[in-house]
Amino acid sequence: MKDTIIPYYLGSTLPYEVVTKVTELPEEAQQEFLGTFHYMKKSPIISYILHFFLGAHHGYMGEWGKQILFWLTGGGFGIWWLILTFTIPRNIRRRNREISKDVLKDVLLRYRKRQNKALHKEPARVASKRTLNIPFDPTDLRLENLEKGFMIDFETETWEVLEKQQMDWQNDESHFFYHLIHGSQERYLYLHRGRYFTKHYLMKSVNKFILHENLEALVAGHKRPPNILEYEGASYYKEAHHYGFGFDHNHPSGIKEDSWIYYDEQQQNVLLIVLKGKSEVKTYAGKIKDAEEFIDILPR
């Protein structure tokens, strides 16, 4: 059994099987467990504040069925509210024990995946831009043929390709990401090239903190963005995670990248999170477009 970095005061409050499993992990994975658990665990102080001022202890615990009933009955005519005043510490301990089990499952899954990658994928981690066999017909240019300096018409305006990036993912797919400008306006065209068809996302850059106040830490620190994000009154659900290397003018030899794609319920709107290197997080929002909406591609 390996040494543990879990403080005694914390280990004494967690289930024995969780502490035992964490102790068997390498220090990096233990740090990951501690960081994620500290972020997700419930605080009795916050719970008491919500309880006394909003009567929202159950909501804080994620028990929204009980919370709605609590509000509708006026805190069980005050009796429920009074009982909670004494039982909140016990409820917090119970919920944190459940959270520790969920966090451990996620950490173990990611740790095993990293072990498998180290065994099977490491030789392919050398950055080398893929050579793609994309047909090029000057009389019938396609979006895949776009290069820096090309012009393209859409939305009744002409846009210039300011930059092109090729993203080579570990699943053998290669996607294209174009930075487009029209005067002071900027758009981003993402070609999600699957095995059988290509999706076209037309997006704009958005502030990452609008999507989630801790998004940068979750992505750059743990590569674990939320499963659901809220943007402009709609819910977006995580659909796919890609990782590999990105190649552009600033990174001709490639830079490690991760991307996460989110769709709304109608599968018409999209959010994109990109982690470049170890710490640069960029976020985009837009719509899925048909290729026919982009016309008159003009080479430089």
C-alpha atoms as a PDB file:
ATOM      1  CA  MET A   1       0.000   0.000   0.000  1.00  0.00           C
ATOM      2  CA  LYS A   2       1.341   3.428  -0.966  1.00  0.00           C
ATOM      3  CA  ASP A   3       1.551   6.521   1.217  1.00  0.00           C
ATOM      4  CA  THR A   4      -1.474   8.785   1.134  1.00  0.00           C
ATOM      5  CA  ILE A   5      -1.573  12.560   0.922  1.00  0.00           C
ATOM      6  CA  ILE A   6      -5.128  12.711   2.266  1.00  0.00           C
ATOM      7  CA  PRO A   7      -5.133  14.722   5.519  1.00  0.00           C
ATOM      8  CA  TYR A   8      -6.182  12.757   8.589  1.00  0.00           C
ATOM      9  CA  TYR A   9      -9.061  15.139   9.373  1.00  0.00           C
ATOM     10  CA  LEU A  10     -10.509  14.446   5.920  1.00  0.00           C
ATOM     11  CA  GLY A  11      -9.754  10.745   5.781  1.00  0.00           C
ATOM     12  CA  SER A  12     -11.577  10.180   9.048  1.00  0.00           C
ATOM     13  CA  THR A  13     -14.808  11.530   7.509  1.00  0.00           C
ATOM     14  CA  LEU A  14     -14.693   9.498   4.290  1.00  0.00           C
ATOM     15  CA  PRO A  15     -15.773   5.891   3.749  1.00  0.00           C
ATOM     16  CA  TYR A  16     -13.000   3.424   4.566  1.00  0.00           C
ATOM     17  CA  GLU A  17     -13.153   1.828   1.107  1.00  0.00           C
ATOM     18  CA  VAL A  18     -12.662   5.253  -0.542  1.00  0.00           C
ATOM     19  CA  VAL A  19      -9.587   6.058   1.559  1.00  0.00           C
ATOM     20  CA  THR A  20      -8.141   2.600   0.864  1.00  0.00           C
ATOM     21  CA  LYS A  21      -8.595   2.934  -2.901  1.00  0.00           C
ATOM     22  CA  VAL A  22      -7.187   6.465  -3.022  1.00  0.00           C
ATOM     23  CA  THR A  23      -4.155   5.359  -1.002  1.00  0.00           C
ATOM     24  CA  GLU A  24      -3.354   2.767  -3.677  1.00  0.00           C
ATOM     25  CA  LEU A  25      -3.244   5.428  -6.406  1.00  0.00           C
ATOM     26  CA  PRO A  26      -0.092   7.369  -7.419  1.00  0.00           C
ATOM     27  CA  GLU A  27       0.345  10.848  -5.949  1.00  0.00           C
ATOM     28  CA  GLU A  28      -0.856  12.583  -9.135  1.00  0.00           C
ATOM     29  CA  ALA A  29      -4.156  10.710  -9.068  1.00  0.00           C
ATOM     30  CA  GLN A  30      -4.531  11.376  -5.315  1.00  0.00           C
ATOM     31  CA  GLN A  31      -4.048  15.085  -5.977  1.00  0.00           C
ATOM     32  CA  GLU A  32      -6.705  14.876  -8.670  1.00  0.00           C
ATOM     33  CA  PHE A  33      -9.103  13.214  -6.234  1.00  0.00           C
ATOM     34  CA  LEU A  34      -8.475  15.849  -3.551  1.00  0.00           C
ATOM     35  CA  GLY A  35      -8.838  18.776  -5.948  1.00  0.00           C
ATOM     36  CA  THR A  36     -12.097  17.502  -7.430  1.00  0.00           C
ATOM     37  CA  PHE A  37     -13.554  16.497  -4.058  1.00  0.00           C
ATOM     38  CA  HIS A  38     -12.753  19.872  -2.473  1.00  0.00           C
ATOM     39  CA  TYR A  39     -14.454  21.579  -5.414  1.00  0.00           C
ATOM     40  CA  MET A  40     -17.604  19.413  -5.250  1.00  0.00           C
ATOM     41  CA  LYS A  41     -18.015  18.824  -1.506  1.00  0.00           C
ATOM     42  CA  LYS A  42     -20.804  20.511   0.429  1.00  0.00           C
ATOM     43  CA  SER A  43     -20.139  23.079   3.140  1.00  0.00           C
ATOM     44  CA  PRO A  44     -22.192  23.163   6.373  1.00  0.00           C
ATOM     45  CA  ILE A  45     -21.647  26.937   6.601  1.00  0.00           C
ATOM     46  CA  ILE A  46     -23.120  27.552   3.157  1.00  0.00           C
ATOM     47  CA  SER A  47     -25.919  25.124   3.922  1.00  0.00           C
ATOM     48  CA  TYR A  48     -26.857  26.956   7.139  1.00  0.00           C
ATOM     49  CA  ILE A  49     -26.801  30.322   5.348  1.00  0.00           C
ATOM     50  CA  LEU A  50     -29.129  29.007   2.641  1.00  0.00           C
ATOM     51  CA  HIS A  51     -31.310  27.334   5.245  1.00  0.00           C
ATOM     52  CA  PHE A  52     -31.769  30.393   7.440  1.00  0.00           C
ATOM     53  CA  PHE A  53     -32.214  32.979   4.679  1.00  0.00           C
ATOM     54  CA  LEU A  54     -33.803  31.031   1.797  1.00  0.00           C
ATOM     55  CA  GLY A  55     -34.889  27.707   3.261  1.00  0.00           C
ATOM     56  CA  ALA A  56     -32.831  26.106   0.473  1.00  0.00           C
ATOM     57  CA  HIS A  57     -30.809  23.400   2.224  1.00  0.00           C
ATOM     58  CA  HIS A  58     -32.315  20.571   0.168  1.00  0.00           C
ATOM     59  CA  GLY A  59     -31.701  22.452  -3.072  1.00  0.00           C
ATOM     60  CA  TYR A  60     -28.052  22.893  -2.120  1.00  0.00           C
ATOM     61  CA  MET A  61     -27.877  19.132  -1.559  1.00  0.00           C
ATOM     62  CA  GLY A  62     -29.346  18.487  -5.007  1.00  0.00           C
ATOM     63  CA  GLU A  63     -32.618  17.152  -3.546  1.00  0.00           C
ATOM     64  CA  TRP A  64     -34.982  19.314  -5.564  1.00  0.00           C
ATOM     65  CA  GLY A  65     -38.045  17.164  -5.035  1.00  0.00           C
ATOM     66  CA  LYS A  66     -37.748  17.628  -1.265  1.00  0.00           C
ATOM     67  CA  GLN A  67     -36.873  21.290  -1.759  1.00  0.00           C
ATOM     68  CA  ILE A  68     -40.046  22.089  -3.693  1.00  0.00           C
ATOM     69  CA  LEU A  69     -42.148  20.228  -1.130  1.00  0.00           C
ATOM     70  CA  PHE A  70     -40.357  22.115   1.649  1.00  0.00           C
ATOM     71  CA  TRP A  71     -41.229  25.461   0.083  1.00  0.00           C
ATOM     72  CA  LEU A  72     -44.837  24.506  -0.691  1.00  0.00           C
ATOM     73  CA  THR A  73     -45.463  23.469   2.925  1.00  0.00           C
ATOM     74  CA  GLY A  74     -43.671  26.445   4.434  1.00  0.00           C
ATOM     75  CA  GLY A  75     -40.942  24.231   5.804  1.00  0.00           C
ATOM     76  CA  GLY A  76     -43.395  21.644   7.032  1.00  0.00           C
ATOM     77  CA  PHE A  77     -45.213  24.441   8.893  1.00  0.00           C
ATOM     78  CA  GLY A  78     -41.945  25.248  10.615  1.00  0.00           C
ATOM     79  CA  ILE A  79     -41.417  21.797  12.086  1.00  0.00           C
ATOM     80  CA  TRP A  80     -39.349  20.517   9.148  1.00  0.00           C
ATOM     81  CA  TRP A  81     -37.336  23.737   9.192  1.00  0.00           C
ATOM     82  CA  LEU A  82     -36.579  23.310  12.901  1.00  0.00           C
ATOM     83  CA  ILE A  83     -35.542  19.660  12.510  1.00  0.00           C
ATOM     84  CA  LEU A  84     -33.170  20.567   9.690  1.00  0.00           C
ATOM     85  CA  THR A  85     -31.471  23.102  11.934  1.00  0.00           C
ATOM     86  CA  PHE A  86     -30.152  20.202  14.005  1.00  0.00           C
ATOM     87  CA  THR A  87     -29.647  17.600  11.247  1.00  0.00           C
ATOM     88  CA  ILE A  88     -27.766  19.662   8.628  1.00  0.00           C
ATOM     89  CA  PRO A  89     -24.270  18.559   9.823  1.00  0.00           C
ATOM     90  CA  ARG A  90     -25.273  14.896   9.566  1.00  0.00           C
ATOM     91  CA  ASN A  91     -26.827  15.457   6.129  1.00  0.00           C
ATOM     92  CA  ILE A  92     -23.654  17.196   4.915  1.00  0.00           C
ATOM     93  CA  ARG A  93     -21.443  14.321   6.115  1.00  0.00           C
ATOM     94  CA  ARG A  94     -23.685  11.784   4.370  1.00  0.00           C
ATOM     95  CA  ARG A  95     -23.744  13.760   1.106  1.00  0.00           C
ATOM     96  CA  ASN A  96     -19.979  14.295   1.132  1.00  0.00           C
ATOM     97  CA  ARG A  97     -19.414  10.571   1.595  1.00  0.00           C
ATOM     98  CA  GLU A  98     -21.574   9.950  -1.493  1.00  0.00           C
ATOM     99  CA  ILE A  99     -19.676  12.624  -3.414  1.00  0.00           C
ATOM    100  CA  SER A 100     -16.335  11.054  -2.485  1.00  0.00           C
ATOM    101  CA  LYS A 101     -17.467   7.741  -3.985  1.00  0.00           C
ATOM    102  CA  ASP A 102     -18.561   9.428  -7.229  1.00  0.00           C
ATOM    103  CA  VAL A 103     -15.298  11.382  -7.481  1.00  0.00           C
ATOM    104  CA  LEU A 104     -13.257   8.230  -6.877  1.00  0.00           C
ATOM    105  CA  LYS A 105     -15.085   6.420  -9.692  1.00  0.00           C
ATOM    106  CA  ASP A 106     -14.277   9.266 -12.111  1.00  0.00           C
ATOM    107  CA  VAL A 107     -10.633   9.436 -11.026  1.00  0.00           C
ATOM    108  CA  LEU A 108     -10.185   5.664 -11.333  1.00  0.00           C
ATOM    109  CA  LEU A 109     -11.732   5.726 -14.809  1.00  0.00           C
ATOM    110  CA  ARG A 110      -9.480   8.554 -16.005  1.00  0.00           C
ATOM    111  CA  TYR A 111      -6.405   6.964 -14.394  1.00  0.00           C
ATOM    112  CA  ARG A 112      -7.052   3.641 -16.142  1.00  0.00           C
ATOM    113  CA  LYS A 113      -7.602   5.427 -19.444  1.00  0.00           C
ATOM    114  CA  ARG A 114      -4.292   7.254 -19.040  1.00  0.00           C
ATOM    115  CA  GLN A 115      -2.574   3.944 -18.289  1.00  0.00           C
ATOM    116  CA  ASN A 116      -4.024   2.434 -21.463  1.00  0.00           C
ATOM    117  CA  LYS A 117      -2.932   5.453 -23.497  1.00  0.00           C
ATOM    118  CA  ALA A 118       0.579   5.184 -22.122  1.00  0.00           C
ATOM    119  CA  LEU A 119       0.710   1.533 -23.155  1.00  0.00           C
ATOM    120  CA  HIS A 120      -0.925   1.777 -26.553  1.00  0.00           C
ATOM    121  CA  LYS A 121      -0.891   5.383 -27.740  1.00  0.00           C
ATOM    122  CA  GLU A 122       2.445   6.847 -26.698  1.00  0.00           C
ATOM    123  CA  PRO A 123       4.304   6.081 -29.978  1.00  0.00           C
ATOM    124  CA  ALA A 124       1.630   8.073 -31.848  1.00  0.00           C
ATOM    125  CA  ARG A 125       2.042  11.158 -29.651  1.00  0.00           C
ATOM    126  CA  VAL A 126       4.832  12.549 -31.850  1.00  0.00           C
ATOM    127  CA  ALA A 127       3.298  15.587 -33.550  1.00  0.00           C
ATOM    128  CA  SER A 128       3.214  15.136 -37.302  1.00  0.00           C
ATOM    129  CA  LYS A 129       0.591  16.863 -39.414  1.00  0.00           C
ATOM    130  CA  ARG A 130      -1.501  14.401 -41.394  1.00  0.00           C
ATOM    131  CA  THR A 131      -1.502  14.599 -45.158  1.00  0.00           C
ATOM    132  CA  LEU A 132      -5.135  14.549 -46.237  1.00  0.00           C
ATOM    133  CA  ASN A 133      -6.349  13.525 -49.660  1.00  0.00           C
ATOM    134  CA  ILE A 134      -8.844  16.310 -50.329  1.00  0.00           C
ATOM    135  CA  PRO A 135      -9.893  16.822 -53.976  1.00  0.00           C
ATOM    136  CA  PHE A 136      -9.139  20.305 -55.321  1.00  0.00           C
ATOM    137  CA  ASP A 137     -11.081  21.571 -58.343  1.00  0.00           C
ATOM    138  CA  PRO A 138     -10.518  25.319 -59.012  1.00  0.00           C
ATOM    139  CA  THR A 139     -13.902  25.459 -60.774  1.00  0.00           C
ATOM    140  CA  ASP A 140     -15.767  23.834 -57.886  1.00  0.00           C
ATOM    141  CA  LEU A 141     -14.077  24.779 -54.601  1.00  0.00           C
ATOM    142  CA  ARG A 142     -15.387  23.271 -51.362  1.00  0.00           C
ATOM    143  CA  LEU A 143     -15.082  24.423 -47.750  1.00  0.00           C
ATOM    144  CA  GLU A 144     -12.342  21.836 -47.175  1.00  0.00           C
ATOM    145  CA  ASN A 145     -10.270  23.685 -49.817  1.00  0.00           C
ATOM    146  CA  LEU A 146     -10.233  26.975 -47.895  1.00  0.00           C
ATOM    147  CA  GLU A 147      -6.799  28.402 -47.152  1.00  0.00           C
ATOM    148  CA  LYS A 148      -5.471  31.554 -45.547  1.00  0.00           C
ATOM    149  CA  GLY A 149      -6.318  34.551 -47.751  1.00  0.00           C
ATOM    150  CA  PHE A 150      -9.304  32.912 -49.497  1.00  0.00           C
ATOM    151  CA  MET A 151     -12.575  34.851 -49.690  1.00  0.00           C
ATOM    152  CA  ILE A 152     -16.005  33.320 -49.060  1.00  0.00           C
ATOM    153  CA  ASP A 153     -19.557  34.698 -49.221  1.00  0.00           C
ATOM    154  CA  PHE A 154     -22.240  34.025 -46.620  1.00  0.00           C
ATOM    155  CA  GLU A 155     -24.828  36.079 -44.760  1.00  0.00           C
ATOM    156  CA  THR A 156     -24.841  38.438 -47.806  1.00  0.00           C
ATOM    157  CA  GLU A 157     -21.277  39.504 -46.981  1.00  0.00           C
ATOM    158  CA  THR A 158     -17.777  38.578 -48.121  1.00  0.00           C
ATOM    159  CA  TRP A 159     -15.409  37.202 -45.505  1.00  0.00           C
ATOM    160  CA  GLU A 160     -11.669  36.630 -45.609  1.00  0.00           C
ATOM    161  CA  VAL A 161      -9.931  33.574 -44.160  1.00  0.00           C
ATOM    162  CA  LEU A 162      -7.471  35.096 -41.695  1.00  0.00           C
ATOM    163  CA  GLU A 163      -6.147  31.795 -40.321  1.00  0.00           C
ATOM    164  CA  LYS A 164      -6.604  28.074 -40.887  1.00  0.00           C
ATOM    165  CA  GLN A 165      -5.968  25.338 -38.342  1.00  0.00           C
ATOM    166  CA  GLN A 166      -5.913  21.606 -38.888  1.00  0.00           C
ATOM    167  CA  MET A 167      -6.728  19.509 -35.832  1.00  0.00           C
ATOM    168  CA  ASP A 168      -5.583  15.880 -36.003  1.00  0.00           C
ATOM    169  CA  TRP A 169      -7.422  13.854 -33.370  1.00  0.00           C
ATOM    170  CA  GLN A 170      -6.449  10.496 -31.881  1.00  0.00           C
ATOM    171  CA  ASN A 171      -9.568   8.848 -33.360  1.00  0.00           C
ATOM    172  CA  ASP A 172      -7.995   9.346 -36.834  1.00  0.00           C
ATOM    173  CA  GLU A 173     -10.344  12.223 -37.694  1.00  0.00           C
ATOM    174  CA  SER A 174      -9.000  15.584 -38.867  1.00  0.00           C
ATOM    175  CA  HIS A 175     -11.077  18.735 -38.434  1.00  0.00           C
ATOM    176  CA  PHE A 176     -10.565  22.246 -39.810  1.00  0.00           C
ATOM    177  CA  PHE A 177     -10.981  25.511 -37.921  1.00  0.00           C
ATOM    178  CA  TYR A 178     -11.088  28.811 -39.855  1.00  0.00           C
ATOM    179  CA  HIS A 179     -10.845  32.344 -38.463  1.00  0.00           C
ATOM    180  CA  LEU A 180     -12.918  34.630 -40.699  1.00  0.00           C
ATOM    181  CA  ILE A 181     -13.067  38.443 -40.740  1.00  0.00           C
ATOM    182  CA  HIS A 182     -15.312  41.030 -42.385  1.00  0.00           C
ATOM    183  CA  GLY A 183     -14.248  44.530 -41.386  1.00  0.00           C
ATOM    184  CA  SER A 184     -14.318  44.533 -37.579  1.00  0.00           C
ATOM    185  CA  GLN A 185     -16.501  41.416 -37.399  1.00  0.00           C
ATOM    186  CA  GLU A 186     -15.097  37.983 -36.614  1.00  0.00           C
ATOM    187  CA  ARG A 187     -16.537  34.508 -37.089  1.00  0.00           C
ATOM    188  CA  TYR A 188     -15.153  30.997 -36.741  1.00  0.00           C
ATOM    189  CA  LEU A 189     -16.012  28.172 -39.104  1.00  0.00           C
ATOM    190  CA  TYR A 190     -15.438  24.677 -37.705  1.00  0.00           C
ATOM    191  CA  LEU A 191     -15.574  21.712 -40.085  1.00  0.00           C
ATOM    192  CA  HIS A 192     -16.306  18.621 -38.029  1.00  0.00           C
ATOM    193  CA  ARG A 193     -15.204  15.969 -40.532  1.00  0.00           C
ATOM    194  CA  GLY A 194     -16.616  12.596 -39.479  1.00  0.00           C
ATOM    195  CA  ARG A 195     -16.113   9.273 -41.206  1.00  0.00           C
ATOM    196  CA  TYR A 196     -19.271   9.542 -43.312  1.00  0.00           C
ATOM    197  CA  PHE A 197     -20.321  13.207 -43.270  1.00  0.00           C
ATOM    198  CA  THR A 198     -19.153  16.692 -42.270  1.00  0.00           C
ATOM    199  CA  LYS A 199     -20.880  19.112 -39.908  1.00  0.00           C
ATOM    200  CA  HIS A 200     -20.347  22.844 -40.331  1.00  0.00           C
ATOM    201  CA  TYR A 201     -20.423  25.094 -37.253  1.00  0.00           C
ATOM    202  CA  LEU A 202     -20.446  28.870 -37.704  1.00  0.00           C
ATOM    203  CA  MET A 203     -19.492  30.419 -34.365  1.00  0.00           C
ATOM    204  CA  LYS A 204     -18.390  33.496 -32.528  1.00  0.00           C
ATOM    205  CA  SER A 205     -16.044  33.754 -29.572  1.00  0.00           C
ATOM    206  CA  VAL A 206     -17.759  34.014 -26.167  1.00  0.00           C
ATOM    207  CA  ASN A 207     -16.470  34.772 -22.689  1.00  0.00           C
ATOM    208  CA  LYS A 208     -15.770  31.473 -20.930  1.00  0.00           C
ATOM    209  CA  PHE A 209     -16.951  32.863 -17.604  1.00  0.00           C
ATOM    210  CA  ILE A 210     -20.401  33.451 -19.072  1.00  0.00           C
ATOM    211  CA  LEU A 211     -20.698  29.701 -19.591  1.00  0.00           C
ATOM    212  CA  HIS A 212     -19.401  28.768 -16.127  1.00  0.00           C
ATOM    213  CA  GLU A 213     -17.567  30.792 -13.491  1.00  0.00           C
ATOM    214  CA  ASN A 214     -15.067  27.964 -12.867  1.00  0.00           C
ATOM    215  CA  LEU A 215     -14.805  26.685 -16.442  1.00  0.00           C
ATOM    216  CA  GLU A 216     -11.150  27.627 -16.882  1.00  0.00           C
ATOM    217  CA  ALA A 217     -10.101  25.739 -13.739  1.00  0.00           C
ATOM    218  CA  LEU A 218     -12.207  22.695 -14.624  1.00  0.00           C
ATOM    219  CA  VAL A 219     -10.818  22.501 -18.159  1.00  0.00           C
ATOM    220  CA  ALA A 220      -7.176  23.532 -17.705  1.00  0.00           C
ATOM    221  CA  GLY A 221      -6.796  21.954 -14.263  1.00  0.00           C
ATOM    222  CA  HIS A 222      -8.735  18.720 -14.640  1.00  0.00           C
ATOM    223  CA  LYS A 223      -9.891  18.433 -18.277  1.00  0.00           C
ATOM    224  CA  ARG A 224     -13.330  17.903 -16.794  1.00  0.00           C
ATOM    225  CA  PRO A 225     -15.832  20.509 -17.997  1.00  0.00           C
ATOM    226  CA  PRO A 226     -19.441  20.208 -16.777  1.00  0.00           C
ATOM    227  CA  ASN A 227     -21.777  17.818 -18.566  1.00  0.00           C
ATOM    228  CA  ILE A 228     -24.368  20.593 -18.955  1.00  0.00           C
ATOM    229  CA  LEU A 229     -23.778  24.285 -19.687  1.00  0.00           C
ATOM    230  CA  GLU A 230     -26.288  27.141 -19.771  1.00  0.00           C
ATOM    231  CA  TYR A 231     -26.042  29.831 -22.452  1.00  0.00           C
ATOM    232  CA  GLU A 232     -28.586  32.502 -23.401  1.00  0.00           C
ATOM    233  CA  GLY A 233     -31.409  30.705 -21.621  1.00  0.00           C
ATOM    234  CA  ALA A 234     -30.784  27.270 -23.174  1.00  0.00           C
ATOM    235  CA  SER A 235     -29.172  24.100 -21.871  1.00  0.00           C
ATOM    236  CA  TYR A 236     -26.317  22.513 -23.793  1.00  0.00           C
ATOM    237  CA  TYR A 237     -25.266  18.893 -23.298  1.00  0.00           C
ATOM    238  CA  LYS A 238     -21.740  17.516 -23.702  1.00  0.00           C
ATOM    239  CA  GLU A 239     -21.615  15.345 -26.813  1.00  0.00           C
ATOM    240  CA  ALA A 240     -17.985  14.580 -27.625  1.00  0.00           C
ATOM    241  CA  HIS A 241     -14.406  15.014 -26.442  1.00  0.00           C
ATOM    242  CA  HIS A 242     -11.506  15.020 -28.913  1.00  0.00           C
ATOM    243  CA  TYR A 243      -7.792  15.206 -28.160  1.00  0.00           C
ATOM    244  CA  GLY A 244      -4.712  15.363 -30.335  1.00  0.00           C
ATOM    245  CA  PHE A 245      -2.649  18.093 -32.001  1.00  0.00           C
ATOM    246  CA  GLY A 246      -3.473  21.384 -33.689  1.00  0.00           C
ATOM    247  CA  PHE A 247      -1.409  22.846 -36.530  1.00  0.00           C
ATOM    248  CA  ASP A 248      -1.518  26.467 -37.699  1.00  0.00           C
ATOM    249  CA  HIS A 249       0.753  29.383 -38.596  1.00  0.00           C
ATOM    250  CA  ASN A 250       1.762  29.892 -34.949  1.00  0.00           C
ATOM    251  CA  HIS A 251       2.246  26.185 -34.275  1.00  0.00           C
ATOM    252  CA  PRO A 252       3.647  24.560 -37.452  1.00  0.00           C
ATOM    253  CA  SER A 253       5.037  21.656 -35.394  1.00  0.00           C
ATOM    254  CA  GLY A 254       1.734  21.140 -33.562  1.00  0.00           C
ATOM    255  CA  ILE A 255       0.369  21.894 -30.109  1.00  0.00           C
ATOM    256  CA  LYS A 256      -1.568  19.510 -27.884  1.00  0.00           C
ATOM    257  CA  GLU A 257      -5.279  20.269 -27.936  1.00  0.00           C
ATOM    258  CA  ASP A 258      -8.500  19.036 -26.395  1.00  0.00           C
ATOM    259  CA  SER A 259     -11.967  20.033 -27.518  1.00  0.00           C
ATOM    260  CA  TRP A 260     -15.442  19.416 -26.127  1.00  0.00           C
ATOM    261  CA  ILE A 261     -18.602  19.844 -28.202  1.00  0.00           C
ATOM    262  CA  TYR A 262     -22.021  20.590 -26.696  1.00  0.00           C
ATOM    263  CA  TYR A 263     -25.427  20.595 -28.430  1.00  0.00           C
ATOM    264  CA  ASP A 264     -28.743  22.056 -27.350  1.00  0.00           C
ATOM    265  CA  GLU A 265     -31.864  19.877 -27.202  1.00  0.00           C
ATOM    266  CA  GLN A 266     -32.766  20.620 -30.840  1.00  0.00           C
ATOM    267  CA  GLN A 267     -29.254  19.723 -32.055  1.00  0.00           C
ATOM    268  CA  GLN A 268     -29.150  23.031 -33.935  1.00  0.00           C
ATOM    269  CA  ASN A 269     -26.966  25.180 -31.715  1.00  0.00           C
ATOM    270  CA  VAL A 270     -23.492  24.317 -30.531  1.00  0.00           C
ATOM    271  CA  LEU A 271     -20.897  25.269 -27.920  1.00  0.00           C
ATOM    272  CA  LEU A 272     -17.219  24.495 -28.353  1.00  0.00           C
ATOM    273  CA  ILE A 273     -14.521  24.464 -25.652  1.00  0.00           C
ATOM    274  CA  VAL A 274     -10.890  24.271 -26.777  1.00  0.00           C
ATOM    275  CA  LEU A 275      -7.873  23.709 -24.523  1.00  0.00           C
ATOM    276  CA  LYS A 276      -4.650  24.662 -26.310  1.00  0.00           C
ATOM    277  CA  GLY A 277      -1.536  23.387 -24.610  1.00  0.00           C
ATOM    278  CA  LYS A 278      -1.885  23.170 -20.845  1.00  0.00           C
ATOM    279  CA  SER A 279      -3.671  26.389 -19.932  1.00  0.00           C
ATOM    280  CA  GLU A 280      -5.179  28.368 -22.849  1.00  0.00           C
ATOM    281  CA  VAL A 281      -8.959  27.898 -22.787  1.00  0.00           C
ATOM    282  CA  LYS A 282     -11.145  29.309 -25.571  1.00  0.00           C
ATOM    283  CA  THR A 283     -14.913  29.065 -25.926  1.00  0.00           C
ATOM    284  CA  TYR A 284     -17.240  29.535 -28.888  1.00  0.00           C
ATOM    285  CA  ALA A 285     -20.987  29.504 -29.544  1.00  0.00           C
ATOM    286  CA  GLY A 286     -22.851  29.181 -32.809  1.00  0.00           C
ATOM    287  CA  LYS A 287     -25.149  27.217 -35.081  1.00  0.00           C
ATOM    288  CA  ILE A 288     -24.950  24.195 -37.336  1.00  0.00           C
ATOM    289  CA  LYS A 289     -25.006  25.318 -40.985  1.00  0.00           C
ATOM    290  CA  ASP A 290     -25.496  23.658 -44.360  1.00  0.00           C
ATOM    291  CA  ALA A 291     -22.564  23.760 -46.762  1.00  0.00           C
ATOM    292  CA  GLU A 292     -24.886  25.310 -49.354  1.00  0.00           C
ATOM    293  CA  GLU A 293     -25.110  28.477 -47.237  1.00  0.00           C
ATOM    294  CA  PHE A 294     -21.468  29.250 -48.066  1.00  0.00           C
ATOM    295  CA  ILE A 295     -21.055  30.348 -51.667  1.00  0.00           C
ATOM    296  CA  ASP A 296     -18.543  31.832 -54.099  1.00  0.00           C
ATOM    297  CA  ILE A 297     -15.245  30.691 -52.649  1.00  0.00           C
ATOM    298  CA  LEU A 298     -12.479  32.799 -54.218  1.00  0.00           C
ATOM    299  CA  PRO A 299      -8.817  31.740 -53.946  1.00  0.00           C
ATOM    300  CA  ARG A 300      -6.168  34.299 -53.087  1.00  0.00           C
END
